[in-house]
């Protein structure tokens, strides 16, 4: 049945959705708004802005109340639910926003490479540029001393090269550069000492531009004092079935293969890790609520009440992380070594980190209303347990991200 165009443009006589006779601005059966935005452009625009400001108003009100420890949780548990965004919805919105911003703002420095054996002058620099190699033969006063020092350095570099696993091929490339630089600098020193020395007519032990001799490579993992190999020398756990051992070995092999990618593009690994943190929090929040239930079992609060407290506390922690990310981003934009800029920068970071546990302690005190000493003891125990769970989750996420990168 098609609604009449002569009906009231503001309030129709029946719900367009379920045809129930209307008695107000909303259908009492299905809840649909009586306004029909298709009948009036003005109503359509009004509906868009009304929904927008209604949603934003609740969010701002909720966030403003959340800033006061325990106030929002107490209000929601007391039945004042209409003015605020529901705990689960708030946590989802804030956590997704926080870790989206974190992926855009947080950066990590270059990966520190393992140090190679000492070079000719006792330094341990890898050669990034030939003129900045850190290799010098200036202390050798004779050609024989230069050749002896060159051969000793090359022997150490080549020996170290044999121990590099397949996953550290990027280190091997820099080691090759160091080998070639050692020979070049030795020849330059020989020319300075004796331009007509016969050693200059001899080719270098490892001519630059030609591939170095292939050497057996090791592995990041050793099984029975032998390099790990998923086929010839796999990991085998006796009490696991064959398919489980096969899965473990495939993941270990994948981890070794991903080593160069993680080293060459650490931002990719880091952003994937940050992106997986919200999933871990969705698991940790109900677990933390269970810990609250056990800690306050005598209060006769049901589990869902503790879950509300857990959701609001984690939403606040996400806000703190968001504030840290934005502060760090601002600090990177204002790239300056000014002492006066560093004072407010580090003051803000320190204040946020210090206030986080104080906020949670105050929230726990105001929600459960127990003696301050009892609350402090329970807060310390719960904090230690939760920290161990969070650390375990982060380690698991790191390994999972590394294996699946």
Protein backbone atom coordinates (compact mmCIF):
# COMPACT_ATOMS: atom_id res chain seq x y z
CA UNK A 1 0.00 0.00 0.00
CA UNK A 2 1.47 3.29 -1.12
CA UNK A 3 1.30 6.16 1.42
CA UNK A 4 -0.79 9.11 0.31
CA UNK A 5 1.04 12.23 -0.81
CA UNK A 6 -1.63 14.25 1.02
CA UNK A 7 -0.52 12.89 4.38
CA UNK A 8 1.15 15.17 6.87
CA UNK A 9 4.76 15.78 5.80
CA UNK A 10 5.99 15.77 9.38
CA UNK A 11 3.95 12.96 10.98
CA UNK A 12 2.42 10.28 8.77
CA UNK A 13 -0.71 8.52 9.98
CA UNK A 14 0.98 5.10 9.88
CA UNK A 15 4.53 3.80 10.03
CA UNK A 16 6.01 3.39 6.56
CA UNK A 17 7.94 0.35 7.77
CA UNK A 18 5.35 -1.79 9.58
CA UNK A 19 2.11 0.18 8.92
CA UNK A 20 1.37 0.55 12.62
CA UNK A 21 -0.81 3.62 13.41
CA UNK A 22 1.45 6.36 14.78
CA UNK A 23 0.89 8.26 18.02
CA UNK A 24 4.04 10.37 17.99
CA UNK A 25 7.32 11.04 16.26
CA UNK A 26 8.44 7.38 16.41
CA UNK A 27 6.75 4.04 15.83
CA UNK A 28 6.18 2.26 19.15
CA UNK A 29 6.55 -1.16 17.44
CA UNK A 30 9.66 -0.93 15.25
CA UNK A 31 11.10 2.41 16.45
CA UNK A 32 11.34 4.04 13.00
CA UNK A 33 11.23 7.83 12.83
CA UNK A 34 7.93 9.21 11.54
CA UNK A 35 9.76 11.82 9.46
CA UNK A 36 10.09 10.76 5.82
CA UNK A 37 13.24 12.39 4.41
CA UNK A 38 12.16 11.49 0.87
CA UNK A 39 9.19 13.86 1.01
CA UNK A 40 11.17 16.97 1.87
CA UNK A 41 14.71 18.00 1.10
CA UNK A 42 14.66 20.13 4.23
CA UNK A 43 13.74 17.12 6.36
CA UNK A 44 16.51 15.07 4.73
CA UNK A 45 19.13 17.70 5.57
CA UNK A 46 17.68 18.07 9.06
CA UNK A 47 17.91 14.30 9.62
CA UNK A 48 21.54 14.16 8.57
CA UNK A 49 22.61 16.98 10.91
CA UNK A 50 20.35 15.80 13.71
CA UNK A 51 21.92 12.33 13.64
CA UNK A 52 25.41 13.76 13.38
CA UNK A 53 25.09 16.17 16.30
CA UNK A 54 23.15 13.68 18.38
CA UNK A 55 25.92 11.09 18.00
CA UNK A 56 28.75 13.55 18.50
CA UNK A 57 27.07 15.15 21.46
CA UNK A 58 26.84 11.82 23.24
CA UNK A 59 30.44 10.97 22.42
CA UNK A 60 31.76 14.29 23.70
CA UNK A 61 29.64 14.04 26.82
CA UNK A 62 30.84 10.48 27.39
CA UNK A 63 34.50 11.35 26.88
CA UNK A 64 34.23 14.39 29.13
CA UNK A 65 32.70 12.26 31.89
CA UNK A 66 35.29 9.51 31.31
CA UNK A 67 38.09 11.91 32.22
CA UNK A 68 36.91 11.89 35.84
CA UNK A 69 38.01 8.56 37.41
CA UNK A 70 35.02 6.29 38.03
CA UNK A 71 32.34 8.90 37.31
CA UNK A 72 31.19 7.40 33.99
CA UNK A 73 31.24 3.80 35.27
CA UNK A 74 29.22 4.76 38.37
CA UNK A 75 26.69 6.68 36.27
CA UNK A 76 26.22 3.81 33.84
CA UNK A 77 25.94 1.20 36.60
CA UNK A 78 23.40 3.41 38.38
CA UNK A 79 21.15 3.25 35.32
CA UNK A 80 22.01 6.57 33.64
CA UNK A 81 22.61 5.01 30.23
CA UNK A 82 20.74 7.27 27.81
CA UNK A 83 23.13 10.27 27.97
CA UNK A 84 26.23 8.19 27.26
CA UNK A 85 27.66 5.92 24.60
CA UNK A 86 27.49 2.26 25.62
CA UNK A 87 30.76 0.87 27.07
CA UNK A 88 31.46 -1.65 24.31
CA UNK A 89 30.69 0.82 21.55
CA UNK A 90 32.89 3.47 23.17
CA UNK A 91 35.77 1.03 23.56
CA UNK A 92 35.54 -0.05 19.91
CA UNK A 93 35.46 3.55 18.65
CA UNK A 94 38.34 4.74 20.84
CA UNK A 95 40.57 1.68 20.33
CA UNK A 96 40.19 1.68 16.53
CA UNK A 97 40.87 5.43 16.39
CA UNK A 98 43.85 5.12 18.74
CA UNK A 99 45.65 2.37 16.89
CA UNK A 100 44.85 3.88 13.50
CA UNK A 101 46.57 7.08 14.64
CA UNK A 102 49.40 5.03 16.17
CA UNK A 103 50.11 3.37 12.83
CA UNK A 104 50.39 6.79 11.21
CA UNK A 105 52.41 8.59 13.87
CA UNK A 106 54.74 6.12 15.55
CA UNK A 107 58.05 5.31 13.89
CA UNK A 108 60.97 3.19 14.93
CA UNK A 109 64.60 3.76 14.20
CA UNK A 110 66.81 1.75 11.96
CA UNK A 111 67.50 -1.81 12.99
CA UNK A 112 70.84 -2.16 14.75
CA UNK A 113 72.97 -4.69 12.95
CA UNK A 114 75.18 -7.20 14.75
CA UNK A 115 78.77 -6.05 15.03
CA UNK A 116 81.32 -7.72 12.73
CA UNK A 117 84.81 -8.72 13.84
CA UNK A 118 87.31 -5.88 14.42
CA UNK A 119 88.74 -4.26 11.32
CA UNK A 120 92.32 -3.32 10.70
CA UNK A 121 92.35 -0.43 13.15
CA UNK A 122 90.38 -2.23 15.87
CA UNK A 123 87.05 -0.59 15.01
CA UNK A 124 83.84 -2.52 14.37
CA UNK A 125 82.09 -0.31 11.83
CA UNK A 126 80.26 -1.91 8.92
CA UNK A 127 81.02 -0.22 5.63
CA UNK A 128 78.07 1.85 4.53
CA UNK A 129 80.17 4.15 2.37
CA UNK A 130 83.76 3.48 1.22
CA UNK A 131 85.00 6.84 2.56
CA UNK A 132 83.42 6.20 5.96
CA UNK A 133 84.51 2.61 6.44
CA UNK A 134 86.42 3.15 9.66
CA UNK A 135 89.22 0.97 8.28
CA UNK A 136 92.70 2.47 8.40
CA UNK A 137 96.22 1.19 7.88
CA UNK A 138 97.86 4.48 8.86
CA UNK A 139 99.56 2.93 11.89
CA UNK A 140 101.43 0.37 9.79
CA UNK A 141 104.86 1.74 8.90
CA UNK A 142 105.94 -1.01 6.48
CA UNK A 143 104.39 -2.76 3.52
CA UNK A 144 104.81 -6.13 5.24
CA UNK A 145 102.85 -4.86 8.26
CA UNK A 146 100.08 -3.60 5.99
CA UNK A 147 99.82 -6.97 4.20
CA UNK A 148 99.85 -8.86 7.50
CA UNK A 149 97.13 -6.63 8.97
CA UNK A 150 95.08 -6.87 5.75
CA UNK A 151 95.20 -10.67 5.70
CA UNK A 152 94.33 -10.89 9.39
CA UNK A 153 91.33 -8.59 8.90
CA UNK A 154 90.16 -10.47 5.80
CA UNK A 155 90.46 -13.78 7.61
CA UNK A 156 88.24 -12.52 10.42
CA UNK A 157 85.64 -11.08 8.04
CA UNK A 158 85.45 -14.19 5.87
CA UNK A 159 85.20 -16.42 8.96
CA UNK A 160 82.35 -14.29 10.31
CA UNK A 161 80.67 -14.43 6.91
CA UNK A 162 80.47 -18.22 7.11
CA UNK A 163 78.35 -18.05 10.28
CA UNK A 164 75.62 -15.82 8.84
CA UNK A 165 72.25 -17.58 8.45
CA UNK A 166 70.18 -17.20 5.28
CA UNK A 167 67.89 -14.71 7.00
CA UNK A 168 70.79 -12.29 7.56
CA UNK A 169 71.76 -11.88 3.94
CA UNK A 170 71.60 -8.09 4.28
CA UNK A 171 74.41 -8.27 6.87
CA UNK A 172 76.40 -10.49 4.53
CA UNK A 173 76.18 -7.87 1.78
CA UNK A 174 77.66 -5.24 4.07
CA UNK A 175 80.33 -7.69 5.15
CA UNK A 176 81.25 -8.09 1.48
CA UNK A 177 81.61 -4.32 1.21
CA UNK A 178 83.91 -4.38 4.20
CA UNK A 179 86.10 -7.05 2.61
CA UNK A 180 86.49 -5.05 -0.60
CA UNK A 181 87.14 -1.82 1.32
CA UNK A 182 89.84 -3.50 3.41
CA UNK A 183 91.73 -4.53 0.27
CA UNK A 184 91.33 -1.13 -1.39
CA UNK A 185 92.60 0.79 1.64
CA UNK A 186 95.51 -1.61 2.05
CA UNK A 187 96.60 -0.97 -1.55
CA UNK A 188 96.34 2.79 -1.01
CA UNK A 189 98.59 2.54 2.05
CA UNK A 190 101.12 0.39 0.19
CA UNK A 191 101.27 3.03 -2.56
CA UNK A 192 101.99 5.66 0.08
CA UNK A 193 104.79 3.59 1.64
CA UNK A 194 106.40 2.13 -1.48
CA UNK A 195 104.85 2.98 -4.88
CA UNK A 196 106.92 0.33 -6.71
CA UNK A 197 106.40 -2.56 -4.27
CA UNK A 198 105.83 -5.96 -6.03
CA UNK A 199 102.67 -6.57 -3.98
CA UNK A 200 100.89 -3.90 -6.04
CA UNK A 201 101.25 -6.05 -9.14
CA UNK A 202 99.53 -8.98 -7.43
CA UNK A 203 95.72 -9.27 -7.53
CA UNK A 204 93.75 -8.84 -4.34
CA UNK A 205 92.77 -12.07 -2.55
CA UNK A 206 89.13 -11.21 -3.28
CA UNK A 207 88.91 -9.04 -6.42
CA UNK A 208 86.24 -6.38 -6.19
CA UNK A 209 83.40 -6.81 -8.65
CA UNK A 210 83.64 -10.59 -8.64
CA UNK A 211 81.44 -12.76 -6.40
CA UNK A 212 83.07 -13.98 -3.24
CA UNK A 213 83.49 -17.72 -2.77
CA UNK A 214 80.30 -19.37 -1.60
CA UNK A 215 80.46 -20.56 1.97
CA UNK A 216 78.16 -22.74 4.04
CA UNK A 217 75.68 -20.64 5.92
CA UNK A 218 74.29 -21.25 9.34
CA UNK A 219 70.83 -20.71 10.78
CA UNK A 220 69.22 -18.58 13.43
CA UNK A 221 68.07 -21.82 15.08
CA UNK A 222 70.19 -24.87 15.88
CA UNK A 223 68.81 -28.36 16.44
CA UNK A 224 71.28 -30.87 17.86
CA UNK A 225 74.24 -28.52 17.19
CA UNK A 226 73.23 -28.41 13.53
CA UNK A 227 71.58 -25.56 11.63
CA UNK A 228 67.81 -25.77 11.51
CA UNK A 229 66.27 -26.87 8.25
CA UNK A 230 62.58 -27.62 7.84
CA UNK A 231 63.36 -30.66 5.67
CA UNK A 232 66.74 -32.11 6.65
CA UNK A 233 66.98 -31.02 10.30
CA UNK A 234 63.53 -30.02 11.56
CA UNK A 235 62.25 -29.31 15.05
CA UNK A 236 60.48 -32.38 16.40
CA UNK A 237 58.43 -32.44 19.60
CA UNK A 238 57.79 -36.03 20.56
CA UNK A 239 54.33 -35.65 22.10
CA UNK A 240 52.96 -33.67 19.14
CA UNK A 241 51.46 -35.36 16.05
CA UNK A 242 53.29 -35.10 12.75
CA UNK A 243 50.97 -32.44 11.30
CA UNK A 244 51.60 -30.19 14.33
CA UNK A 245 55.39 -30.60 14.02
CA UNK A 246 55.11 -29.88 10.30
CA UNK A 247 53.16 -26.69 11.01
CA UNK A 248 55.78 -25.53 13.56
CA UNK A 249 58.63 -26.13 11.13
CA UNK A 250 56.87 -24.27 8.34
CA UNK A 251 56.36 -21.30 10.64
CA UNK A 252 60.01 -21.35 11.78
CA UNK A 253 61.18 -21.46 8.17
CA UNK A 254 58.86 -18.58 7.36
CA UNK A 255 60.28 -16.58 10.27
CA UNK A 256 63.84 -17.01 8.95
CA UNK A 257 62.74 -15.96 5.48
CA UNK A 258 61.06 -12.84 6.86
CA UNK A 259 64.20 -11.67 8.67
CA UNK A 260 65.53 -9.59 5.73
CA UNK A 261 62.11 -8.06 5.10
CA UNK A 262 61.72 -7.05 8.74
CA UNK A 263 65.21 -5.54 8.73
CA UNK A 264 64.83 -3.71 5.43
CA UNK A 265 61.31 -2.43 6.13
CA UNK A 266 60.80 -2.28 9.93
CA UNK A 267 57.89 0.12 9.51
CA UNK A 268 55.90 -2.59 7.73
CA UNK A 269 56.44 -5.00 10.61
CA UNK A 270 55.72 -2.34 13.22
CA UNK A 271 52.47 -1.14 11.64
CA UNK A 272 51.24 -4.72 11.34
CA UNK A 273 52.06 -5.28 15.00
CA UNK A 274 50.24 -2.11 16.06
CA UNK A 275 47.26 -3.09 13.94
CA UNK A 276 46.93 -6.41 15.75
CA UNK A 277 46.95 -4.89 19.26
CA UNK A 278 43.18 -4.05 19.31
CA UNK A 279 42.43 -7.72 18.68
CA UNK A 280 44.51 -8.63 21.73
CA UNK A 281 42.69 -6.05 23.84
CA UNK A 282 39.34 -7.56 22.90
CA UNK A 283 40.59 -10.77 24.50
CA UNK A 284 42.23 -9.10 27.52
CA UNK A 285 39.24 -6.93 28.46
CA UNK A 286 36.91 -9.82 29.38
CA UNK A 287 39.83 -11.55 31.14
CA UNK A 288 40.47 -8.41 33.19
CA UNK A 289 36.76 -8.28 34.03
CA UNK A 290 37.04 -11.85 35.30
CA UNK A 291 39.96 -10.81 37.52
CA UNK A 292 37.82 -7.98 38.90
CA UNK A 293 35.02 -10.45 39.56
CA UNK A 294 37.38 -12.70 41.55
CA UNK A 295 38.93 -9.77 43.43
CA UNK A 296 35.53 -8.35 44.41
CA UNK A 297 33.52 -11.55 44.69
CA UNK A 298 32.13 -10.39 48.03
CA UNK A 299 30.47 -7.32 46.49
CA UNK A 300 27.81 -9.49 44.78
CA UNK A 301 28.24 -7.58 41.54
CA UNK A 302 27.51 -9.63 38.44
CA UNK A 303 30.20 -10.25 35.82
CA UNK A 304 28.70 -7.76 33.33
CA UNK A 305 29.10 -4.95 35.86
CA UNK A 306 32.80 -5.72 36.13
CA UNK A 307 32.93 -5.86 32.34
CA UNK A 308 31.58 -2.29 32.21
CA UNK A 309 34.40 -1.17 34.52
CA UNK A 310 36.97 -3.04 32.40
CA UNK A 311 35.67 -1.52 29.15
CA UNK A 312 35.71 2.03 30.48
CA UNK A 313 39.18 1.62 32.01
CA UNK A 314 40.57 0.27 28.75
CA UNK A 315 38.85 3.04 26.80
CA UNK A 316 40.64 5.56 29.00
CA UNK A 317 43.98 3.78 28.50
CA UNK A 318 43.41 3.98 24.75
CA UNK A 319 42.81 7.73 25.10
CA UNK A 320 46.12 8.04 26.95
CA UNK A 321 47.91 6.09 24.21
CA UNK A 322 46.24 8.38 21.65
CA UNK A 323 47.52 11.42 23.55
CA UNK A 324 51.03 9.93 23.65
CA UNK A 325 50.96 9.27 19.91
CA UNK A 326 49.79 12.79 19.10
CA UNK A 327 52.40 14.31 21.41
CA UNK A 328 55.11 12.22 19.78
CA UNK A 329 53.85 13.24 16.34
CA UNK A 330 53.92 16.90 17.33
CA UNK A 331 57.45 16.46 18.66
CA UNK A 332 58.58 14.97 15.34
CA UNK A 333 56.96 17.79 13.37
CA UNK A 334 58.66 20.43 15.52
CA UNK A 335 62.11 18.96 14.92
CA UNK A 336 64.28 21.12 17.12
CA UNK A 337 67.00 20.64 19.70
CA UNK A 338 65.77 23.60 21.71
CA UNK A 339 65.99 22.96 25.43
CA UNK A 340 62.88 25.08 26.05
CA UNK A 341 60.83 22.93 23.68
CA UNK A 342 61.98 19.69 25.28
CA UNK A 343 60.77 20.79 28.72
CA UNK A 344 57.03 20.93 27.85
CA UNK A 345 57.38 17.94 25.51
CA UNK A 346 58.80 15.60 28.15
CA UNK A 347 56.58 17.12 30.83
CA UNK A 348 53.46 16.16 28.87
CA UNK A 349 54.73 12.65 28.15
CA UNK A 350 55.71 12.10 31.78
CA UNK A 351 52.41 13.49 33.10
CA UNK A 352 50.38 11.14 30.91
CA UNK A 353 52.41 8.08 31.92
CA UNK A 354 52.28 8.95 35.63
CA UNK A 355 48.57 9.76 35.63
CA UNK A 356 47.52 6.48 33.94
CA UNK A 357 48.01 4.19 37.00
CA UNK A 358 46.75 6.93 39.37
CA UNK A 359 43.55 7.23 37.32
CA UNK A 360 42.96 3.47 37.37
CA UNK A 361 43.54 3.32 41.13
CA UNK A 362 41.11 6.18 41.76
CA UNK A 363 38.55 4.58 39.45
CA UNK A 364 38.78 1.27 41.28
CA UNK A 365 38.41 3.06 44.63
CA UNK A 366 35.37 5.09 43.58
CA UNK A 367 33.55 2.22 41.87
CA UNK A 368 34.01 -0.49 44.52
CA UNK A 369 34.23 1.83 47.57
CA UNK A 370 36.48 -0.30 49.74
CA UNK A 371 39.16 0.86 52.16
CA UNK A 372 42.06 2.63 50.45
CA UNK A 373 44.65 0.13 51.71
CA UNK A 374 42.53 -2.84 50.57
CA UNK A 375 42.00 -1.17 47.19
CA UNK A 376 45.72 -0.49 46.84
CA UNK A 377 46.59 -4.14 47.58
CA UNK A 378 44.01 -5.45 45.11
CA UNK A 379 45.07 -2.88 42.53
CA UNK A 380 48.72 -3.96 42.85
CA UNK A 381 47.90 -7.67 42.53
CA UNK A 382 45.54 -7.15 39.61
CA UNK A 383 48.06 -4.82 37.94
CA UNK A 384 50.86 -7.37 38.23
CA UNK A 385 48.69 -10.18 36.85
CA UNK A 386 47.39 -8.03 34.03
CA UNK A 387 50.90 -6.80 33.16
CA UNK A 388 52.09 -10.40 32.81
CA UNK A 389 49.12 -11.22 30.58
CA UNK A 390 49.70 -8.10 28.49
CA UNK A 391 53.41 -8.89 28.13
CA UNK A 392 52.58 -12.46 27.08
CA UNK A 393 50.06 -11.17 24.55
CA UNK A 394 52.57 -8.69 23.10
CA UNK A 395 55.25 -11.38 22.77
CA UNK A 396 52.74 -13.67 21.08
CA UNK A 397 51.63 -10.88 18.74
CA UNK A 398 55.25 -10.04 17.89
CA UNK A 399 56.08 -13.64 17.04
CA UNK A 400 52.84 -14.11 15.12
CA UNK A 401 53.38 -10.92 13.13
CA UNK A 402 56.99 -11.87 12.40
CA UNK A 403 56.01 -15.34 11.19
CA UNK A 404 53.11 -14.10 9.05
CA UNK A 405 54.65 -10.85 7.80
